[in-house]
């Protein structure tokens, strides 16, 4: 599948860093998770702050949202989302789906 967006929007090291931070530490390091030339937005939730980074030139973005049980605890889970402007993401063929499944099975976290 050909495209002009990065192969990896969020690196494992960033996810590991997120899991090592409590809620107040997360609010300090969160802006560093997004490329400096991207627009950065914050969404406050009862379970923690979500950051949303949008690439102004390529019409896609990423969000990172850790879920905290309490302010002093480490995250229970981290949800990462990717966003594409309507029409930017090509229709997936069966071959594309198979390639993505095979690649996902190779990844070790």
N, C-alpha and C. Protein backbone atom coordinates (compact mmCIF):
# COMPACT_ATOMS: atom_id res chain seq x y z
N UNK A 1 0.86 -1.17 0.00
CA UNK A 1 0.00 0.00 0.00
C UNK A 1 0.90 1.23 0.00
N UNK A 2 0.69 2.13 -0.92
CA UNK A 2 1.51 3.34 -0.97
C UNK A 2 0.78 4.50 -0.33
N UNK A 3 1.52 5.32 0.37
CA UNK A 3 0.94 6.49 1.04
C UNK A 3 2.06 7.47 1.33
N UNK A 4 1.70 8.66 1.81
CA UNK A 4 2.73 9.64 2.13
C UNK A 4 2.71 10.03 3.60
N UNK A 5 2.22 9.15 4.46
CA UNK A 5 2.28 9.41 5.89
C UNK A 5 3.29 8.46 6.52
N UNK A 6 3.73 8.77 7.73
CA UNK A 6 4.76 7.95 8.37
C UNK A 6 4.29 6.51 8.58
N UNK A 7 5.25 5.57 8.51
CA UNK A 7 4.93 4.17 8.78
C UNK A 7 4.47 3.99 10.22
N UNK A 8 5.09 4.73 11.13
CA UNK A 8 4.75 4.62 12.55
C UNK A 8 4.48 6.02 13.08
N UNK A 9 3.26 6.24 13.56
CA UNK A 9 2.91 7.55 14.12
C UNK A 9 3.31 7.66 15.58
N UNK A 10 3.30 6.54 16.29
CA UNK A 10 3.69 6.52 17.71
C UNK A 10 4.67 5.38 17.90
N UNK A 11 5.81 5.69 18.42
CA UNK A 11 6.85 4.68 18.63
C UNK A 11 6.66 3.97 19.97
N UNK A 12 7.15 2.74 20.04
CA UNK A 12 7.03 1.93 21.26
C UNK A 12 7.64 2.66 22.46
N UNK A 13 8.74 3.34 22.26
CA UNK A 13 9.39 4.06 23.37
C UNK A 13 8.45 5.12 23.95
N UNK A 14 7.66 5.75 23.10
CA UNK A 14 6.70 6.75 23.58
C UNK A 14 5.59 6.10 24.39
N UNK A 15 5.13 4.95 23.93
CA UNK A 15 4.09 4.23 24.67
C UNK A 15 4.64 3.76 26.01
N UNK A 16 5.87 3.22 26.01
CA UNK A 16 6.50 2.80 27.26
C UNK A 16 6.62 3.98 28.23
N UNK A 17 7.01 5.13 27.71
CA UNK A 17 7.14 6.33 28.55
C UNK A 17 5.79 6.73 29.14
N UNK A 18 4.74 6.58 28.36
CA UNK A 18 3.39 6.90 28.85
C UNK A 18 3.01 5.97 29.99
N UNK A 19 3.32 4.69 29.88
CA UNK A 19 2.99 3.73 30.93
C UNK A 19 3.82 3.93 32.20
N UNK A 20 4.92 4.67 32.10
CA UNK A 20 5.76 4.94 33.26
C UNK A 20 5.40 6.22 33.99
N UNK A 21 4.36 6.93 33.54
CA UNK A 21 4.03 8.24 34.10
C UNK A 21 2.68 8.21 34.82
N UNK A 22 2.63 8.91 35.96
CA UNK A 22 1.32 9.09 36.59
C UNK A 22 0.62 10.27 35.89
N UNK A 23 -0.57 10.61 36.34
CA UNK A 23 -1.36 11.61 35.61
C UNK A 23 -0.68 12.98 35.53
N UNK A 24 -0.10 13.45 36.62
CA UNK A 24 0.54 14.77 36.57
C UNK A 24 1.81 14.73 35.73
N UNK A 25 2.55 13.63 35.78
CA UNK A 25 3.74 13.50 34.93
C UNK A 25 3.34 13.45 33.46
N UNK A 26 2.22 12.77 33.18
CA UNK A 26 1.74 12.67 31.80
C UNK A 26 1.46 14.05 31.21
N UNK A 27 0.84 14.91 31.98
CA UNK A 27 0.53 16.25 31.44
C UNK A 27 1.80 17.03 31.11
N UNK A 28 2.90 16.70 31.79
CA UNK A 28 4.18 17.36 31.50
C UNK A 28 4.84 16.81 30.24
N UNK A 29 4.79 15.49 30.05
CA UNK A 29 5.49 14.88 28.92
C UNK A 29 4.62 14.77 27.66
N UNK A 30 3.32 14.88 27.79
CA UNK A 30 2.41 14.67 26.66
C UNK A 30 2.74 15.52 25.43
N UNK A 31 3.00 16.82 25.58
CA UNK A 31 3.29 17.62 24.38
C UNK A 31 4.52 17.15 23.61
N UNK A 32 5.45 16.48 24.28
CA UNK A 32 6.65 15.98 23.62
C UNK A 32 6.37 14.77 22.73
N UNK A 33 5.19 14.18 22.86
CA UNK A 33 4.82 13.00 22.08
C UNK A 33 4.40 13.35 20.66
N UNK A 34 4.15 14.62 20.41
CA UNK A 34 3.65 15.08 19.11
C UNK A 34 4.75 15.87 18.41
N UNK A 35 4.89 15.68 17.12
CA UNK A 35 5.90 16.41 16.34
C UNK A 35 5.72 17.91 16.52
N UNK A 36 6.83 18.67 16.66
CA UNK A 36 6.73 20.10 16.96
C UNK A 36 5.99 20.92 15.90
N UNK A 37 5.97 20.46 14.66
CA UNK A 37 5.29 21.24 13.62
C UNK A 37 3.82 20.85 13.46
N UNK A 38 3.33 19.92 14.26
CA UNK A 38 1.92 19.53 14.23
C UNK A 38 1.13 20.41 15.18
N UNK A 39 -0.17 20.55 14.92
CA UNK A 39 -1.01 21.26 15.88
C UNK A 39 -1.34 20.29 17.01
N UNK A 40 -1.40 20.82 18.21
CA UNK A 40 -1.60 20.01 19.41
C UNK A 40 -2.87 20.44 20.10
N UNK A 41 -3.70 19.48 20.44
CA UNK A 41 -4.94 19.74 21.18
C UNK A 41 -5.00 18.82 22.39
N UNK A 42 -5.69 19.27 23.40
CA UNK A 42 -5.89 18.48 24.61
C UNK A 42 -7.38 18.26 24.82
N UNK A 43 -7.73 17.07 25.26
CA UNK A 43 -9.12 16.78 25.62
C UNK A 43 -9.10 16.21 27.04
N UNK A 44 -9.74 16.92 27.93
CA UNK A 44 -9.77 16.49 29.34
C UNK A 44 -10.87 15.46 29.54
N UNK A 45 -10.53 14.35 30.19
CA UNK A 45 -11.48 13.29 30.52
C UNK A 45 -11.34 12.98 32.00
N UNK A 46 -12.35 12.39 32.57
CA UNK A 46 -12.29 12.01 33.99
C UNK A 46 -11.15 11.04 34.28
N UNK A 47 -10.75 10.27 33.28
CA UNK A 47 -9.70 9.27 33.45
C UNK A 47 -8.32 9.75 33.05
N UNK A 48 -8.20 11.01 32.61
CA UNK A 48 -6.91 11.55 32.21
C UNK A 48 -7.01 12.40 30.96
N UNK A 49 -5.92 13.07 30.64
CA UNK A 49 -5.88 13.98 29.50
C UNK A 49 -5.48 13.23 28.23
N UNK A 50 -6.24 13.46 27.18
CA UNK A 50 -5.92 12.91 25.86
C UNK A 50 -5.22 14.00 25.06
N UNK A 51 -4.16 13.63 24.35
CA UNK A 51 -3.53 14.58 23.44
C UNK A 51 -3.86 14.17 22.01
N UNK A 52 -4.04 15.18 21.18
CA UNK A 52 -4.36 14.95 19.79
C UNK A 52 -3.42 15.80 18.95
N UNK A 53 -2.67 15.15 18.10
CA UNK A 53 -1.76 15.86 17.21
C UNK A 53 -2.23 15.73 15.78
N UNK A 54 -2.27 16.85 15.07
CA UNK A 54 -2.73 16.85 13.69
C UNK A 54 -1.65 17.44 12.79
N UNK A 55 -1.30 16.69 11.75
CA UNK A 55 -0.32 17.17 10.77
C UNK A 55 -1.04 18.15 9.86
N UNK A 56 -0.64 19.41 9.85
CA UNK A 56 -1.36 20.41 9.06
C UNK A 56 -1.17 20.26 7.55
N UNK A 57 -0.18 19.49 7.12
CA UNK A 57 0.08 19.39 5.68
C UNK A 57 -0.41 18.10 5.04
N UNK A 58 -0.62 17.06 5.83
CA UNK A 58 -0.96 15.78 5.23
C UNK A 58 -2.33 15.24 5.62
N UNK A 59 -3.10 16.00 6.37
CA UNK A 59 -4.49 15.63 6.69
C UNK A 59 -4.63 14.33 7.47
N UNK A 60 -3.75 14.11 8.42
CA UNK A 60 -3.93 12.99 9.33
C UNK A 60 -3.43 13.37 10.70
N UNK A 61 -3.79 12.53 11.68
CA UNK A 61 -3.38 12.83 13.04
C UNK A 61 -3.34 11.59 13.91
N UNK A 62 -2.98 11.82 15.16
CA UNK A 62 -2.87 10.73 16.13
C UNK A 62 -3.33 11.25 17.49
N UNK A 63 -3.93 10.36 18.27
CA UNK A 63 -4.27 10.72 19.65
C UNK A 63 -3.71 9.66 20.59
N UNK A 64 -3.36 10.12 21.79
CA UNK A 64 -2.85 9.22 22.83
C UNK A 64 -3.64 9.54 24.09
N UNK A 65 -4.29 8.51 24.64
CA UNK A 65 -5.09 8.73 25.84
C UNK A 65 -4.83 7.63 26.86
N UNK A 66 -4.04 7.96 27.89
CA UNK A 66 -3.87 7.01 28.99
C UNK A 66 -5.08 7.07 29.92
N UNK A 67 -5.44 5.94 30.49
CA UNK A 67 -6.54 5.86 31.45
C UNK A 67 -5.97 5.60 32.83
N UNK A 68 -6.21 6.54 33.75
CA UNK A 68 -5.70 6.45 35.12
C UNK A 68 -6.83 6.12 36.08
N UNK A 69 -6.59 5.20 37.00
CA UNK A 69 -7.59 4.88 38.04
C UNK A 69 -7.62 6.01 39.07
N UNK A 70 -6.45 6.56 39.37
CA UNK A 70 -6.36 7.72 40.27
C UNK A 70 -5.13 8.52 39.86
N UNK A 71 -5.06 9.74 40.31
CA UNK A 71 -4.02 10.67 39.85
C UNK A 71 -2.60 10.18 40.10
N UNK A 72 -2.40 9.45 41.17
CA UNK A 72 -1.05 9.03 41.53
C UNK A 72 -0.67 7.67 40.95
N UNK A 73 -1.61 6.99 40.29
CA UNK A 73 -1.32 5.67 39.75
C UNK A 73 -0.78 5.76 38.32
N UNK A 74 -0.15 4.68 37.89
CA UNK A 74 0.27 4.57 36.50
C UNK A 74 -0.96 4.21 35.66
N UNK A 75 -0.93 4.42 34.35
CA UNK A 75 -2.11 4.13 33.53
C UNK A 75 -2.49 2.65 33.55
N UNK A 76 -3.78 2.40 33.49
CA UNK A 76 -4.30 1.04 33.38
C UNK A 76 -4.14 0.56 31.94
N UNK A 77 -4.41 1.46 31.02
CA UNK A 77 -4.29 1.18 29.60
C UNK A 77 -4.03 2.48 28.86
N UNK A 78 -3.57 2.38 27.63
CA UNK A 78 -3.36 3.55 26.79
C UNK A 78 -4.02 3.26 25.44
N UNK A 79 -4.86 4.19 25.01
CA UNK A 79 -5.54 4.04 23.72
C UNK A 79 -4.90 5.00 22.73
N UNK A 80 -4.53 4.47 21.57
CA UNK A 80 -3.93 5.28 20.52
C UNK A 80 -4.86 5.24 19.32
N UNK A 81 -5.17 6.42 18.81
CA UNK A 81 -6.04 6.51 17.64
C UNK A 81 -5.34 7.21 16.50
N UNK A 82 -5.69 6.85 15.29
CA UNK A 82 -5.19 7.55 14.12
C UNK A 82 -6.37 8.10 13.35
N UNK A 83 -6.17 9.25 12.75
CA UNK A 83 -7.25 9.96 12.09
C UNK A 83 -6.82 10.38 10.70
N UNK A 84 -7.69 10.14 9.74
CA UNK A 84 -7.44 10.52 8.36
C UNK A 84 -8.63 11.30 7.84
N UNK A 85 -8.37 12.36 7.11
CA UNK A 85 -9.45 13.12 6.49
C UNK A 85 -10.19 12.20 5.51
N UNK A 86 -11.50 12.34 5.44
CA UNK A 86 -12.32 11.53 4.56
C UNK A 86 -11.72 11.53 3.15
N UNK A 87 -11.53 10.36 2.61
CA UNK A 87 -10.96 10.22 1.28
C UNK A 87 -9.46 10.09 1.24
N UNK A 88 -8.77 10.34 2.36
CA UNK A 88 -7.31 10.26 2.38
C UNK A 88 -6.81 8.83 2.50
N UNK A 89 -7.54 8.00 3.22
CA UNK A 89 -7.11 6.63 3.42
C UNK A 89 -7.65 5.80 2.27
N UNK A 90 -6.76 5.13 1.53
CA UNK A 90 -7.24 4.37 0.37
C UNK A 90 -8.10 3.18 0.81
N UNK A 91 -8.99 2.78 -0.07
CA UNK A 91 -9.79 1.59 0.20
C UNK A 91 -8.86 0.40 0.32
N UNK A 92 -9.11 -0.43 1.32
CA UNK A 92 -8.26 -1.59 1.54
C UNK A 92 -8.73 -2.76 0.68
N UNK A 93 -7.78 -3.37 0.01
CA UNK A 93 -8.07 -4.59 -0.73
C UNK A 93 -7.86 -5.77 0.20
N UNK A 94 -8.29 -6.93 -0.21
CA UNK A 94 -8.06 -8.14 0.60
C UNK A 94 -6.57 -8.37 0.80
N UNK A 95 -5.77 -8.07 -0.24
CA UNK A 95 -4.32 -8.22 -0.13
C UNK A 95 -3.77 -7.26 0.92
N UNK A 96 -4.24 -6.01 0.94
CA UNK A 96 -3.80 -5.04 1.94
C UNK A 96 -4.12 -5.53 3.35
N UNK A 97 -5.33 -6.03 3.53
CA UNK A 97 -5.75 -6.52 4.85
C UNK A 97 -4.86 -7.67 5.31
N UNK A 98 -4.57 -8.60 4.40
CA UNK A 98 -3.72 -9.73 4.75
C UNK A 98 -2.32 -9.25 5.12
N UNK A 99 -1.76 -8.31 4.35
CA UNK A 99 -0.43 -7.77 4.66
C UNK A 99 -0.42 -7.10 6.03
N UNK A 100 -1.47 -6.35 6.36
CA UNK A 100 -1.54 -5.68 7.66
C UNK A 100 -1.64 -6.71 8.79
N UNK A 101 -2.43 -7.75 8.60
CA UNK A 101 -2.56 -8.79 9.62
C UNK A 101 -1.23 -9.50 9.84
N UNK A 102 -0.54 -9.83 8.77
CA UNK A 102 0.76 -10.49 8.89
C UNK A 102 1.78 -9.60 9.59
N UNK A 103 1.80 -8.31 9.25
CA UNK A 103 2.71 -7.37 9.89
C UNK A 103 2.40 -7.23 11.39
N UNK A 104 1.13 -7.15 11.72
CA UNK A 104 0.73 -7.02 13.13
C UNK A 104 1.14 -8.25 13.92
N UNK A 105 1.08 -9.42 13.32
CA UNK A 105 1.46 -10.65 14.02
C UNK A 105 2.96 -10.70 14.27
N UNK A 106 3.75 -10.00 13.46
CA UNK A 106 5.22 -9.98 13.63
C UNK A 106 5.64 -9.05 14.76
N UNK A 107 4.82 -8.07 15.09
CA UNK A 107 5.19 -7.07 16.10
C UNK A 107 5.19 -7.68 17.48
N UNK A 108 6.19 -7.35 18.24
CA UNK A 108 6.23 -7.75 19.64
C UNK A 108 6.23 -6.50 20.49
N UNK A 109 5.44 -6.46 21.46
CA UNK A 109 5.34 -5.29 22.33
C UNK A 109 6.02 -5.62 23.59
